[in-house]
Amino acid sequence: MLNYTEDVAECPLADTAVDITGFRHTPIGDRTVCDHVYAIPGLGTLVSPDDMGRAWHAQLKDLGAPIDFPHPDAQTWFLNFERGHIAHGSGSTRAIIGHRYEPVSKIGDCPMTDRPCVVAVERTEDTLTVVWSYPDADAFNVQWWEERSRPRKGVEVAARRYTVRDAEPHRTYGFSVEACQKRFLGRSTCTPWYSVVVPAVRSLPGRGFADVGHL
């Protein structure tokens, strides 16, 4: 799974310079696939796939500057800007002016059976737990992100749940999960990733617990 973070090990295709966005920019890749590395003040090092970079350039005045990192949602990647967002998926890239990205993934709505399915999300005042289902696996890899923060490195877990500590209820989070079968003296075989966005909540009802599985 791609994580567009500051970990940019690919070779630069050109020198770093300020481009039409007004930010320092370095193209990276292998001559056939190109990503764009930007240094965004107040945000950090942002790596954008080529399609998103071109869409931003085309709508630069309308979109403004990025305010977050690219994140996955179901089969879509999205990137929020000051005055809109870019969504990339199903073979197309769209720049939408006037509002931020709205998640399309639904907790428990899993049309694809070849990967884990997040079936519930539980919040307390300072934790966020995702629960998923999958018939048989030796382990699960989990990646997660918090809005306006770099995606976290993946972790391996045996259980079908994962808890983020010190989570902020009023911030949006995202999770990606894959199931893996381990092989003796060989590489693990893993399913495709399943990605879901967990929206922020305005308040936690009752005793500070919220089940947002049906939001």
N, C-alpha and C. Protein backbone atom coordinates (compact mmCIF):
# COMPACT_ATOMS: atom_id res chain seq x y z
N MET A 1 0.84 -1.19 0.00
CA MET A 1 0.00 0.00 0.00
C MET A 1 0.87 1.24 0.00
N LEU A 2 0.50 2.23 -0.79
CA LEU A 2 1.27 3.45 -0.86
C LEU A 2 0.94 4.35 0.31
N ASN A 3 1.98 4.93 0.88
CA ASN A 3 1.81 5.96 1.89
C ASN A 3 2.55 7.19 1.41
N TYR A 4 1.82 8.26 1.16
CA TYR A 4 2.46 9.46 0.65
C TYR A 4 2.93 10.31 1.82
N THR A 5 4.13 9.97 2.32
CA THR A 5 4.70 10.62 3.50
C THR A 5 6.06 11.19 3.14
N GLU A 6 6.82 11.53 4.16
CA GLU A 6 8.14 12.10 3.92
C GLU A 6 9.17 11.03 3.57
N ASP A 7 8.80 9.76 3.57
CA ASP A 7 9.73 8.69 3.24
C ASP A 7 9.83 8.59 1.72
N VAL A 8 10.77 9.28 1.12
CA VAL A 8 10.86 9.38 -0.33
C VAL A 8 12.21 8.82 -0.78
N ALA A 9 12.25 7.53 -0.98
CA ALA A 9 13.51 6.85 -1.30
C ALA A 9 13.76 6.78 -2.80
N GLU A 10 12.77 7.12 -3.64
CA GLU A 10 12.97 7.03 -5.07
C GLU A 10 13.93 8.11 -5.55
N CYS A 11 14.45 7.93 -6.75
CA CYS A 11 15.44 8.84 -7.29
C CYS A 11 14.80 10.12 -7.81
N PRO A 12 15.40 11.28 -7.53
CA PRO A 12 14.89 12.54 -8.11
C PRO A 12 15.02 12.51 -9.63
N LEU A 13 14.00 13.03 -10.30
CA LEU A 13 14.03 13.12 -11.76
C LEU A 13 14.51 14.48 -12.22
N ALA A 14 14.62 15.43 -11.30
CA ALA A 14 15.09 16.77 -11.62
C ALA A 14 15.51 17.45 -10.33
N ASP A 15 16.13 18.60 -10.45
CA ASP A 15 16.56 19.34 -9.28
C ASP A 15 15.36 19.91 -8.52
N THR A 16 15.57 20.14 -7.23
CA THR A 16 14.56 20.80 -6.42
C THR A 16 14.49 22.28 -6.79
N ALA A 17 13.27 22.77 -6.98
CA ALA A 17 13.09 24.18 -7.34
C ALA A 17 11.68 24.60 -6.97
N VAL A 18 11.44 25.88 -6.86
CA VAL A 18 10.10 26.40 -6.63
C VAL A 18 9.33 26.34 -7.94
N ASP A 19 8.18 25.65 -7.96
CA ASP A 19 7.42 25.53 -9.21
C ASP A 19 6.23 26.49 -9.20
N ILE A 20 5.25 26.26 -10.06
CA ILE A 20 4.13 27.20 -10.21
C ILE A 20 3.26 27.29 -8.97
N THR A 21 3.37 26.31 -8.06
CA THR A 21 2.57 26.36 -6.82
C THR A 21 3.14 27.37 -5.83
N GLY A 22 4.40 27.75 -6.01
CA GLY A 22 5.06 28.63 -5.05
C GLY A 22 5.78 27.88 -3.95
N PHE A 23 5.76 26.54 -3.99
CA PHE A 23 6.42 25.71 -2.99
C PHE A 23 7.62 25.00 -3.61
N ARG A 24 8.58 24.64 -2.75
CA ARG A 24 9.73 23.87 -3.21
C ARG A 24 9.27 22.48 -3.64
N HIS A 25 9.75 22.04 -4.80
CA HIS A 25 9.21 20.85 -5.44
C HIS A 25 10.34 20.00 -6.00
N THR A 26 10.22 18.66 -5.81
CA THR A 26 11.16 17.72 -6.40
C THR A 26 10.37 16.58 -7.03
N PRO A 27 10.46 16.37 -8.35
CA PRO A 27 9.83 15.19 -8.95
C PRO A 27 10.68 13.96 -8.68
N ILE A 28 10.06 12.84 -8.34
CA ILE A 28 10.79 11.60 -8.08
C ILE A 28 10.12 10.47 -8.84
N GLY A 29 10.86 9.39 -9.11
CA GLY A 29 10.28 8.25 -9.80
C GLY A 29 11.30 7.52 -10.64
N ASP A 30 10.80 6.90 -11.71
CA ASP A 30 11.67 6.05 -12.54
C ASP A 30 11.49 6.31 -14.03
N ARG A 31 11.13 7.52 -14.40
CA ARG A 31 10.93 7.92 -15.79
C ARG A 31 9.58 7.51 -16.35
N THR A 32 8.94 6.48 -15.80
CA THR A 32 7.61 6.10 -16.26
C THR A 32 6.54 6.43 -15.23
N VAL A 33 6.90 6.39 -13.95
CA VAL A 33 5.99 6.74 -12.87
C VAL A 33 6.62 7.88 -12.09
N CYS A 34 5.86 8.97 -11.93
CA CYS A 34 6.42 10.16 -11.28
C CYS A 34 5.53 10.58 -10.12
N ASP A 35 6.14 10.83 -8.97
CA ASP A 35 5.47 11.46 -7.84
C ASP A 35 6.09 12.84 -7.64
N HIS A 36 5.41 13.65 -6.85
CA HIS A 36 5.87 15.01 -6.62
C HIS A 36 6.05 15.24 -5.12
N VAL A 37 7.22 15.68 -4.73
CA VAL A 37 7.52 15.97 -3.33
C VAL A 37 7.49 17.48 -3.14
N TYR A 38 6.64 17.93 -2.20
CA TYR A 38 6.51 19.36 -1.91
C TYR A 38 6.85 19.62 -0.45
N ALA A 39 7.50 20.72 -0.20
CA ALA A 39 7.75 21.20 1.16
C ALA A 39 6.70 22.27 1.46
N ILE A 40 5.70 21.92 2.28
CA ILE A 40 4.58 22.81 2.57
C ILE A 40 4.77 23.40 3.97
N PRO A 41 4.98 24.70 4.11
CA PRO A 41 5.13 25.29 5.44
C PRO A 41 3.91 25.03 6.32
N GLY A 42 4.17 24.64 7.57
CA GLY A 42 3.08 24.34 8.49
C GLY A 42 2.52 22.94 8.36
N LEU A 43 2.88 22.22 7.30
CA LEU A 43 2.39 20.86 7.08
C LEU A 43 3.55 19.88 7.06
N GLY A 44 4.56 20.15 6.25
CA GLY A 44 5.70 19.27 6.17
C GLY A 44 5.95 18.80 4.75
N THR A 45 6.58 17.64 4.64
CA THR A 45 6.90 17.07 3.33
C THR A 45 5.72 16.26 2.81
N LEU A 46 5.17 16.69 1.71
CA LEU A 46 3.99 16.04 1.12
C LEU A 46 4.40 15.39 -0.19
N VAL A 47 4.05 14.12 -0.36
CA VAL A 47 4.31 13.40 -1.59
C VAL A 47 2.99 13.15 -2.30
N SER A 48 2.88 13.68 -3.51
CA SER A 48 1.64 13.58 -4.28
C SER A 48 1.88 12.74 -5.52
N PRO A 49 0.96 11.80 -5.85
CA PRO A 49 1.08 11.08 -7.13
C PRO A 49 0.90 12.05 -8.29
N ASP A 50 1.39 11.66 -9.45
CA ASP A 50 1.43 12.56 -10.59
C ASP A 50 0.05 13.09 -10.97
N ASP A 51 -0.96 12.21 -10.97
CA ASP A 51 -2.30 12.64 -11.37
C ASP A 51 -2.83 13.74 -10.45
N MET A 52 -2.61 13.59 -9.15
CA MET A 52 -3.05 14.62 -8.21
C MET A 52 -2.27 15.92 -8.41
N GLY A 53 -0.96 15.78 -8.64
CA GLY A 53 -0.14 16.96 -8.87
C GLY A 53 -0.60 17.75 -10.08
N ARG A 54 -0.91 17.06 -11.17
CA ARG A 54 -1.37 17.73 -12.39
C ARG A 54 -2.74 18.40 -12.17
N ALA A 55 -3.62 17.72 -11.43
CA ALA A 55 -4.94 18.30 -11.16
C ALA A 55 -4.82 19.56 -10.30
N TRP A 56 -3.88 19.53 -9.34
CA TRP A 56 -3.64 20.72 -8.51
C TRP A 56 -3.13 21.87 -9.36
N HIS A 57 -2.18 21.60 -10.24
CA HIS A 57 -1.62 22.65 -11.10
C HIS A 57 -2.71 23.27 -11.98
N ALA A 58 -3.62 22.42 -12.47
CA ALA A 58 -4.67 22.91 -13.37
C ALA A 58 -5.69 23.79 -12.65
N GLN A 59 -5.90 23.55 -11.34
CA GLN A 59 -6.89 24.29 -10.56
C GLN A 59 -6.23 25.05 -9.41
N LEU A 60 -5.01 25.49 -9.62
CA LEU A 60 -4.21 26.05 -8.55
C LEU A 60 -4.88 27.24 -7.87
N LYS A 61 -5.37 28.20 -8.64
CA LYS A 61 -5.97 29.40 -8.05
C LYS A 61 -7.24 29.09 -7.27
N ASP A 62 -8.00 28.10 -7.75
CA ASP A 62 -9.27 27.77 -7.09
C ASP A 62 -9.06 26.90 -5.84
N LEU A 63 -8.10 25.97 -5.90
CA LEU A 63 -7.89 25.05 -4.78
C LEU A 63 -7.09 25.66 -3.64
N GLY A 64 -6.10 26.48 -3.95
CA GLY A 64 -5.20 26.99 -2.92
C GLY A 64 -4.17 25.95 -2.56
N ALA A 65 -3.67 25.99 -1.33
CA ALA A 65 -2.60 25.11 -0.88
C ALA A 65 -3.16 23.86 -0.18
N PRO A 66 -2.42 22.75 -0.18
CA PRO A 66 -2.85 21.56 0.57
C PRO A 66 -2.89 21.85 2.06
N ILE A 67 -3.85 21.25 2.76
CA ILE A 67 -3.94 21.39 4.21
C ILE A 67 -3.80 20.04 4.91
N ASP A 68 -3.55 18.98 4.16
CA ASP A 68 -3.42 17.64 4.72
C ASP A 68 -2.58 16.81 3.77
N PHE A 69 -2.38 15.55 4.12
CA PHE A 69 -1.65 14.61 3.28
C PHE A 69 -2.64 13.77 2.48
N PRO A 70 -2.23 13.16 1.37
CA PRO A 70 -3.13 12.23 0.66
C PRO A 70 -3.47 11.04 1.56
N HIS A 71 -4.75 10.65 1.55
CA HIS A 71 -5.21 9.54 2.38
C HIS A 71 -6.13 8.63 1.57
N PRO A 72 -6.20 7.33 1.92
CA PRO A 72 -7.09 6.41 1.23
C PRO A 72 -8.46 6.33 1.90
N ASP A 73 -9.48 6.13 1.07
CA ASP A 73 -10.84 5.91 1.55
C ASP A 73 -11.50 4.92 0.60
N ALA A 74 -11.75 3.67 1.07
CA ALA A 74 -12.24 2.61 0.18
C ALA A 74 -11.26 2.49 -0.99
N GLN A 75 -11.70 2.67 -2.24
CA GLN A 75 -10.83 2.55 -3.40
C GLN A 75 -10.38 3.91 -3.92
N THR A 76 -10.52 4.94 -3.11
CA THR A 76 -10.20 6.31 -3.53
C THR A 76 -9.08 6.89 -2.67
N TRP A 77 -8.21 7.68 -3.30
CA TRP A 77 -7.26 8.52 -2.57
C TRP A 77 -7.76 9.95 -2.65
N PHE A 78 -7.63 10.71 -1.56
CA PHE A 78 -8.10 12.09 -1.57
C PHE A 78 -7.08 13.00 -0.91
N LEU A 79 -7.14 14.27 -1.29
CA LEU A 79 -6.24 15.28 -0.74
C LEU A 79 -7.03 16.58 -0.58
N ASN A 80 -7.10 17.08 0.64
CA ASN A 80 -7.85 18.30 0.92
C ASN A 80 -6.97 19.54 0.75
N PHE A 81 -7.60 20.59 0.25
CA PHE A 81 -6.94 21.88 0.04
C PHE A 81 -7.70 22.97 0.79
N GLU A 82 -7.18 24.18 0.73
CA GLU A 82 -7.82 25.30 1.41
C GLU A 82 -9.24 25.52 0.92
N ARG A 83 -9.48 25.33 -0.38
CA ARG A 83 -10.79 25.65 -0.95
C ARG A 83 -11.37 24.52 -1.79
N GLY A 84 -11.08 23.29 -1.41
CA GLY A 84 -11.62 22.16 -2.16
C GLY A 84 -10.84 20.90 -1.89
N HIS A 85 -10.94 19.94 -2.82
CA HIS A 85 -10.21 18.69 -2.66
C HIS A 85 -10.00 18.04 -4.03
N ILE A 86 -9.08 17.08 -4.05
CA ILE A 86 -8.84 16.24 -5.22
C ILE A 86 -9.08 14.80 -4.81
N ALA A 87 -9.81 14.05 -5.65
CA ALA A 87 -10.08 12.64 -5.41
C ALA A 87 -9.57 11.84 -6.60
N HIS A 88 -8.87 10.75 -6.31
CA HIS A 88 -8.31 9.91 -7.36
C HIS A 88 -8.76 8.47 -7.14
N GLY A 89 -9.47 7.90 -8.12
CA GLY A 89 -9.94 6.53 -8.02
C GLY A 89 -10.75 6.14 -9.23
N SER A 90 -10.87 4.83 -9.44
CA SER A 90 -11.64 4.30 -10.58
C SER A 90 -11.14 4.85 -11.90
N GLY A 91 -9.83 5.05 -11.99
CA GLY A 91 -9.25 5.48 -13.25
C GLY A 91 -9.38 6.94 -13.58
N SER A 92 -9.85 7.76 -12.63
CA SER A 92 -10.00 9.19 -12.91
C SER A 92 -9.55 10.01 -11.72
N THR A 93 -9.21 11.26 -11.98
CA THR A 93 -8.80 12.20 -10.95
C THR A 93 -9.66 13.45 -11.10
N ARG A 94 -10.30 13.86 -10.00
CA ARG A 94 -11.25 14.98 -10.06
C ARG A 94 -10.86 16.03 -9.03
N ALA A 95 -10.86 17.28 -9.46
CA ALA A 95 -10.67 18.42 -8.57
C ALA A 95 -12.03 19.03 -8.29
N ILE A 96 -12.41 19.08 -7.02
CA ILE A 96 -13.72 19.59 -6.60
C ILE A 96 -13.50 20.88 -5.83
N ILE A 97 -14.12 21.97 -6.29
CA ILE A 97 -13.94 23.27 -5.68
C ILE A 97 -15.09 23.56 -4.72
N GLY A 98 -14.79 24.14 -3.58
CA GLY A 98 -15.84 24.64 -2.70
C GLY A 98 -16.08 23.86 -1.43
N HIS A 99 -15.63 22.62 -1.34
CA HIS A 99 -15.83 21.87 -0.09
C HIS A 99 -14.80 20.77 0.05
N ARG A 100 -14.57 20.36 1.30
CA ARG A 100 -13.60 19.32 1.61
C ARG A 100 -14.17 17.95 1.22
N TYR A 101 -13.29 16.98 1.18
CA TYR A 101 -13.68 15.62 0.82
C TYR A 101 -14.63 15.03 1.86
N GLU A 102 -15.66 14.33 1.38
CA GLU A 102 -16.60 13.64 2.24
C GLU A 102 -16.42 12.13 2.06
N PRO A 103 -16.12 11.39 3.13
CA PRO A 103 -15.83 9.95 3.00
C PRO A 103 -16.97 9.18 2.35
N VAL A 104 -16.58 8.19 1.53
CA VAL A 104 -17.57 7.33 0.87
C VAL A 104 -17.65 5.97 1.55
N SER A 105 -16.62 5.59 2.32
CA SER A 105 -16.64 4.29 2.99
C SER A 105 -17.67 4.29 4.12
N LYS A 106 -18.32 3.14 4.32
CA LYS A 106 -19.31 2.97 5.37
C LYS A 106 -18.90 1.80 6.25
N ILE A 107 -18.92 2.02 7.55
CA ILE A 107 -18.56 0.95 8.47
C ILE A 107 -19.52 -0.22 8.30
N GLY A 108 -18.97 -1.41 8.05
CA GLY A 108 -19.78 -2.61 7.89
C GLY A 108 -20.27 -2.85 6.48
N ASP A 109 -20.07 -1.88 5.58
CA ASP A 109 -20.48 -2.05 4.19
C ASP A 109 -19.28 -2.52 3.39
N CYS A 110 -19.22 -3.83 3.13
CA CYS A 110 -18.03 -4.42 2.53
C CYS A 110 -18.42 -5.29 1.34
N PRO A 111 -18.49 -4.70 0.15
CA PRO A 111 -18.88 -5.47 -1.03
C PRO A 111 -17.83 -6.46 -1.49
N MET A 112 -16.58 -6.29 -1.08
CA MET A 112 -15.50 -7.18 -1.51
C MET A 112 -15.17 -8.16 -0.40
N THR A 113 -15.20 -9.45 -0.73
CA THR A 113 -14.99 -10.49 0.28
C THR A 113 -13.55 -10.99 0.31
N ASP A 114 -12.69 -10.41 -0.53
CA ASP A 114 -11.30 -10.88 -0.60
C ASP A 114 -10.38 -10.12 0.34
N ARG A 115 -10.95 -9.34 1.27
CA ARG A 115 -10.14 -8.54 2.20
C ARG A 115 -10.90 -8.35 3.51
N PRO A 116 -10.23 -7.93 4.58
CA PRO A 116 -10.95 -7.69 5.83
C PRO A 116 -12.02 -6.62 5.68
N CYS A 117 -12.98 -6.64 6.60
CA CYS A 117 -14.06 -5.66 6.60
C CYS A 117 -14.19 -5.05 7.99
N VAL A 118 -14.05 -3.73 8.09
CA VAL A 118 -14.24 -3.05 9.37
C VAL A 118 -15.73 -3.02 9.69
N VAL A 119 -16.12 -3.64 10.81
CA VAL A 119 -17.53 -3.81 11.13
C VAL A 119 -18.00 -2.93 12.28
N ALA A 120 -17.06 -2.36 13.03
CA ALA A 120 -17.47 -1.50 14.15
C ALA A 120 -16.32 -0.57 14.51
N VAL A 121 -16.71 0.60 15.04
CA VAL A 121 -15.74 1.57 15.54
C VAL A 121 -16.23 2.03 16.91
N GLU A 122 -15.35 2.05 17.89
CA GLU A 122 -15.71 2.42 19.25
C GLU A 122 -14.82 3.57 19.71
N ARG A 123 -15.43 4.59 20.29
CA ARG A 123 -14.68 5.74 20.80
C ARG A 123 -14.94 5.93 22.28
N THR A 124 -13.90 6.32 22.99
CA THR A 124 -14.05 6.88 24.32
C THR A 124 -13.47 8.28 24.27
N GLU A 125 -13.29 8.90 25.42
CA GLU A 125 -12.76 10.25 25.43
C GLU A 125 -11.33 10.32 24.92
N ASP A 126 -10.58 9.22 24.99
CA ASP A 126 -9.19 9.28 24.56
C ASP A 126 -8.71 8.03 23.81
N THR A 127 -9.64 7.17 23.36
CA THR A 127 -9.25 6.00 22.57
C THR A 127 -10.19 5.87 21.36
N LEU A 128 -9.68 5.20 20.35
CA LEU A 128 -10.49 4.86 19.18
C LEU A 128 -10.13 3.44 18.78
N THR A 129 -11.12 2.55 18.73
CA THR A 129 -10.89 1.15 18.42
C THR A 129 -11.65 0.76 17.16
N VAL A 130 -10.96 0.10 16.23
CA VAL A 130 -11.61 -0.45 15.05
C VAL A 130 -11.66 -1.96 15.19
N VAL A 131 -12.77 -2.55 14.77
CA VAL A 131 -12.98 -3.99 14.82
C VAL A 131 -13.30 -4.47 13.42
N TRP A 132 -12.65 -5.54 12.97
CA TRP A 132 -12.90 -6.03 11.62
C TRP A 132 -13.15 -7.53 11.64
N SER A 133 -13.65 -8.03 10.53
CA SER A 133 -13.91 -9.46 10.38
C SER A 133 -13.15 -9.98 9.16
N TYR A 134 -12.72 -11.22 9.28
CA TYR A 134 -12.09 -11.94 8.17
C TYR A 134 -12.02 -13.40 8.59
N PRO A 135 -12.34 -14.35 7.69
CA PRO A 135 -12.51 -15.74 8.12
C PRO A 135 -11.26 -16.41 8.66
N ASP A 136 -10.09 -16.21 8.03
CA ASP A 136 -8.92 -16.95 8.48
C ASP A 136 -7.66 -16.20 8.10
N ALA A 137 -6.80 -15.93 9.09
CA ALA A 137 -5.54 -15.25 8.84
C ALA A 137 -4.59 -15.51 10.00
N ASP A 138 -3.29 -15.50 9.72
CA ASP A 138 -2.29 -15.65 10.77
C ASP A 138 -2.01 -14.33 11.47
N ALA A 139 -2.15 -13.22 10.74
CA ALA A 139 -1.89 -11.91 11.30
C ALA A 139 -2.53 -10.85 10.41
N PHE A 140 -2.62 -9.65 10.97
CA PHE A 140 -3.17 -8.52 10.22
C PHE A 140 -2.21 -7.35 10.31
N ASN A 141 -2.04 -6.67 9.19
CA ASN A 141 -1.27 -5.43 9.17
C ASN A 141 -2.23 -4.25 9.20
N VAL A 142 -1.94 -3.29 10.06
CA VAL A 142 -2.81 -2.13 10.24
C VAL A 142 -1.99 -0.86 10.03
N GLN A 143 -2.52 0.05 9.22
CA GLN A 143 -1.96 1.38 9.08
C GLN A 143 -3.05 2.39 9.43
N TRP A 144 -2.66 3.50 10.06
CA TRP A 144 -3.68 4.49 10.40
C TRP A 144 -3.12 5.89 10.30
N TRP A 145 -4.02 6.84 10.19
CA TRP A 145 -3.63 8.24 10.08
C TRP A 145 -4.63 9.12 10.82
N GLU A 146 -4.18 10.28 11.17
CA GLU A 146 -4.99 11.31 11.82
C GLU A 146 -4.94 12.55 10.94
N GLU A 147 -6.08 13.23 10.81
CA GLU A 147 -6.12 14.38 9.91
C GLU A 147 -4.99 15.37 10.21
N ARG A 148 -4.42 15.89 9.15
CA ARG A 148 -3.34 16.87 9.19
C ARG A 148 -2.08 16.34 9.88
N SER A 149 -1.93 15.01 9.87
CA SER A 149 -0.72 14.39 10.40
C SER A 149 -0.24 13.34 9.41
N ARG A 150 1.06 13.08 9.42
CA ARG A 150 1.60 12.08 8.52
C ARG A 150 1.06 10.70 8.86
N PRO A 151 0.80 9.85 7.86
CA PRO A 151 0.38 8.48 8.14
C PRO A 151 1.39 7.75 9.01
N ARG A 152 0.90 6.93 9.92
CA ARG A 152 1.78 6.21 10.84
C ARG A 152 2.32 4.93 10.19
N LYS A 153 3.45 4.49 10.65
CA LYS A 153 4.00 3.23 10.18
C LYS A 153 3.07 2.09 10.55
N GLY A 154 3.04 1.05 9.71
CA GLY A 154 2.14 -0.06 9.95
C GLY A 154 2.56 -0.91 11.14
N VAL A 155 1.58 -1.58 11.74
CA VAL A 155 1.83 -2.50 12.84
C VAL A 155 1.17 -3.84 12.52
N GLU A 156 1.73 -4.91 13.06
CA GLU A 156 1.16 -6.24 12.89
C GLU A 156 0.45 -6.64 14.17
N VAL A 157 -0.77 -7.17 14.04
CA VAL A 157 -1.55 -7.62 15.19
C VAL A 157 -2.14 -8.98 14.90
N ALA A 158 -2.40 -9.73 15.96
CA ALA A 158 -3.02 -11.04 15.81
C ALA A 158 -4.54 -10.97 15.96
N ALA A 159 -5.00 -10.03 16.80
CA ALA A 159 -6.44 -9.90 17.06
C ALA A 159 -7.13 -9.18 15.91
N ARG A 160 -8.46 -9.25 15.90
CA ARG A 160 -9.25 -8.58 14.87
C ARG A 160 -9.75 -7.23 15.38
N ARG A 161 -8.87 -6.50 16.03
CA ARG A 161 -9.19 -5.17 16.53
C ARG A 161 -7.89 -4.43 16.81
N TYR A 162 -7.98 -3.11 16.76
CA TYR A 162 -6.80 -2.29 17.03
C TYR A 162 -7.26 -1.00 17.69
N THR A 163 -6.52 -0.56 18.72
CA THR A 163 -6.90 0.63 19.47
C THR A 163 -5.82 1.70 19.36
N VAL A 164 -6.24 2.91 19.03
CA VAL A 164 -5.36 4.07 19.04
C VAL A 164 -5.53 4.77 20.39
N ARG A 165 -4.44 4.96 21.10
CA ARG A 165 -4.47 5.63 22.40
C ARG A 165 -4.30 7.13 22.20
N ASP A 166 -4.77 7.89 23.16
CA ASP A 166 -4.67 9.35 23.11
C ASP A 166 -5.30 9.93 21.85
N ALA A 167 -6.39 9.31 21.41
CA ALA A 167 -7.10 9.79 20.23
C ALA A 167 -7.97 10.99 20.59
N GLU A 168 -8.12 11.90 19.65
CA GLU A 168 -8.95 13.09 19.83
C GLU A 168 -10.32 12.84 19.21
N PRO A 169 -11.40 12.91 19.99
CA PRO A 169 -12.74 12.63 19.43
C PRO A 169 -13.13 13.58 18.30
N HIS A 170 -12.59 14.80 18.32
CA HIS A 170 -13.02 15.80 17.36
C HIS A 170 -12.12 15.86 16.14
N ARG A 171 -11.35 14.80 15.91
CA ARG A 171 -10.51 14.72 14.72
C ARG A 171 -10.87 13.49 13.90
N THR A 172 -10.67 13.57 12.60
CA THR A 172 -10.95 12.46 11.69
C THR A 172 -9.74 11.53 11.64
N TYR A 173 -10.01 10.22 11.61
CA TYR A 173 -8.97 9.20 11.51
C TYR A 173 -9.27 8.28 10.33
N GLY A 174 -8.25 7.59 9.88
CA GLY A 174 -8.43 6.60 8.83
C GLY A 174 -7.64 5.34 9.14
N PHE A 175 -8.14 4.20 8.70
CA PHE A 175 -7.50 2.91 8.96
C PHE A 175 -7.47 2.08 7.67
N SER A 176 -6.39 1.34 7.50
CA SER A 176 -6.28 0.37 6.42
C SER A 176 -5.82 -0.95 7.03
N VAL A 177 -6.47 -2.05 6.61
CA VAL A 177 -6.19 -3.37 7.18
C VAL A 177 -6.01 -4.38 6.06
N GLU A 178 -5.01 -5.24 6.20
CA GLU A 178 -4.85 -6.38 5.30
C GLU A 178 -4.65 -7.64 6.13
N ALA A 179 -5.12 -8.78 5.63
CA ALA A 179 -4.97 -10.07 6.30
C ALA A 179 -3.84 -10.85 5.63
N CYS A 180 -3.04 -11.54 6.43
CA CYS A 180 -1.87 -12.24 5.89
C CYS A 180 -1.79 -13.68 6.38
N GLN A 181 -1.37 -14.55 5.48
CA GLN A 181 -1.02 -15.93 5.81
C GLN A 181 0.50 -16.03 5.78
N LYS A 182 1.09 -16.46 6.89
CA LYS A 182 2.54 -16.55 6.96
C LYS A 182 3.04 -17.88 6.39
N ARG A 183 4.23 -17.83 5.81
CA ARG A 183 4.84 -19.02 5.23
C ARG A 183 6.21 -19.25 5.86
N PHE A 184 6.49 -20.49 6.17
CA PHE A 184 7.79 -20.84 6.74
C PHE A 184 8.87 -20.62 5.69
N LEU A 185 9.87 -19.81 6.03
CA LEU A 185 10.99 -19.49 5.14
C LEU A 185 10.52 -18.85 3.83
N GLY A 186 9.43 -18.16 3.88
CA GLY A 186 8.93 -17.47 2.68
C GLY A 186 8.19 -16.21 3.05
N ARG A 187 7.89 -15.40 2.05
CA ARG A 187 7.16 -14.17 2.29
C ARG A 187 5.69 -14.45 2.55
N SER A 188 5.09 -13.65 3.40
CA SER A 188 3.67 -13.81 3.69
C SER A 188 2.83 -13.49 2.46
N THR A 189 1.68 -14.13 2.39
CA THR A 189 0.70 -13.84 1.34
C THR A 189 -0.42 -13.02 1.96
N CYS A 190 -0.67 -11.84 1.41
CA CYS A 190 -1.63 -10.93 2.03
C CYS A 190 -2.75 -10.54 1.07
N THR A 191 -3.87 -10.19 1.66
CA THR A 191 -5.02 -9.74 0.88
C THR A 191 -4.81 -8.30 0.42
N PRO A 192 -5.66 -7.80 -0.46
CA PRO A 192 -5.66 -6.35 -0.72
C PRO A 192 -6.03 -5.59 0.55
N TRP A 193 -5.65 -4.31 0.60
CA TRP A 193 -5.98 -3.47 1.75
C TRP A 193 -7.44 -3.04 1.73
N TYR A 194 -8.02 -2.95 2.92
CA TYR A 194 -9.35 -2.36 3.09
C TYR A 194 -9.17 -1.06 3.88
N SER A 195 -9.67 0.04 3.32
CA SER A 195 -9.47 1.35 3.94
C SER A 195 -10.82 1.98 4.28
N VAL A 196 -10.86 2.62 5.45
CA VAL A 196 -12.08 3.26 5.92
C VAL A 196 -11.70 4.55 6.64
N VAL A 197 -12.56 5.55 6.52
CA VAL A 197 -12.39 6.83 7.21
C VAL A 197 -13.38 6.90 8.37
N VAL A 198 -12.88 7.29 9.55
CA VAL A 198 -13.72 7.44 10.73
C VAL A 198 -13.89 8.94 11.00
N PRO A 199 -15.08 9.49 10.75
CA PRO A 199 -15.26 10.94 10.93
C PRO A 199 -15.15 11.36 12.39
N ALA A 200 -14.85 12.63 12.57
CA ALA A 200 -14.85 13.20 13.92
C ALA A 200 -16.28 13.20 14.46
N VAL A 201 -16.40 13.21 15.79
CA VAL A 201 -17.71 13.30 16.42
C VAL A 201 -17.77 14.59 17.24
N ARG A 202 -18.95 15.19 17.28
CA ARG A 202 -19.10 16.45 18.02
C ARG A 202 -19.16 16.24 19.52
N SER A 203 -19.76 15.13 19.94
CA SER A 203 -19.87 14.88 21.37
C SER A 203 -19.96 13.38 21.60
N LEU A 204 -19.57 12.95 22.78
CA LEU A 204 -19.66 11.55 23.18
C LEU A 204 -20.84 11.40 24.13
N PRO A 205 -21.85 10.64 23.75
CA PRO A 205 -23.04 10.54 24.58
C PRO A 205 -22.83 9.70 25.83
N GLY A 206 -23.71 9.87 26.78
CA GLY A 206 -23.72 9.02 27.98
C GLY A 206 -22.46 9.15 28.79
N ARG A 207 -21.77 8.04 28.95
CA ARG A 207 -20.60 7.96 29.81
C ARG A 207 -19.31 8.17 29.03
N GLY A 208 -19.37 8.90 27.95
CA GLY A 208 -18.17 9.17 27.19
C GLY A 208 -17.83 8.12 26.17
N PHE A 209 -18.81 7.27 25.80
CA PHE A 209 -18.55 6.19 24.85
C PHE A 209 -19.45 6.40 23.64
N ALA A 210 -18.87 6.20 22.47
CA ALA A 210 -19.67 6.34 21.26
C ALA A 210 -19.37 5.16 20.33
N ASP A 211 -20.42 4.51 19.85
CA ASP A 211 -20.29 3.52 18.79
C ASP A 211 -20.71 4.22 17.51
N VAL A 212 -19.72 4.52 16.66
CA VAL A 212 -20.03 5.24 15.43
C VAL A 212 -20.08 4.30 14.23
N GLY A 213 -20.35 3.05 14.50
CA GLY A 213 -20.37 2.08 13.44
C GLY A 213 -21.42 2.32 12.38
N HIS A 214 -22.41 3.12 12.65
CA HIS A 214 -23.48 3.35 11.67
C HIS A 214 -23.53 4.79 11.20
N LEU A 215 -22.46 5.58 11.49
CA LEU A 215 -22.44 6.95 11.03
C LEU A 215 -22.17 6.98 9.54
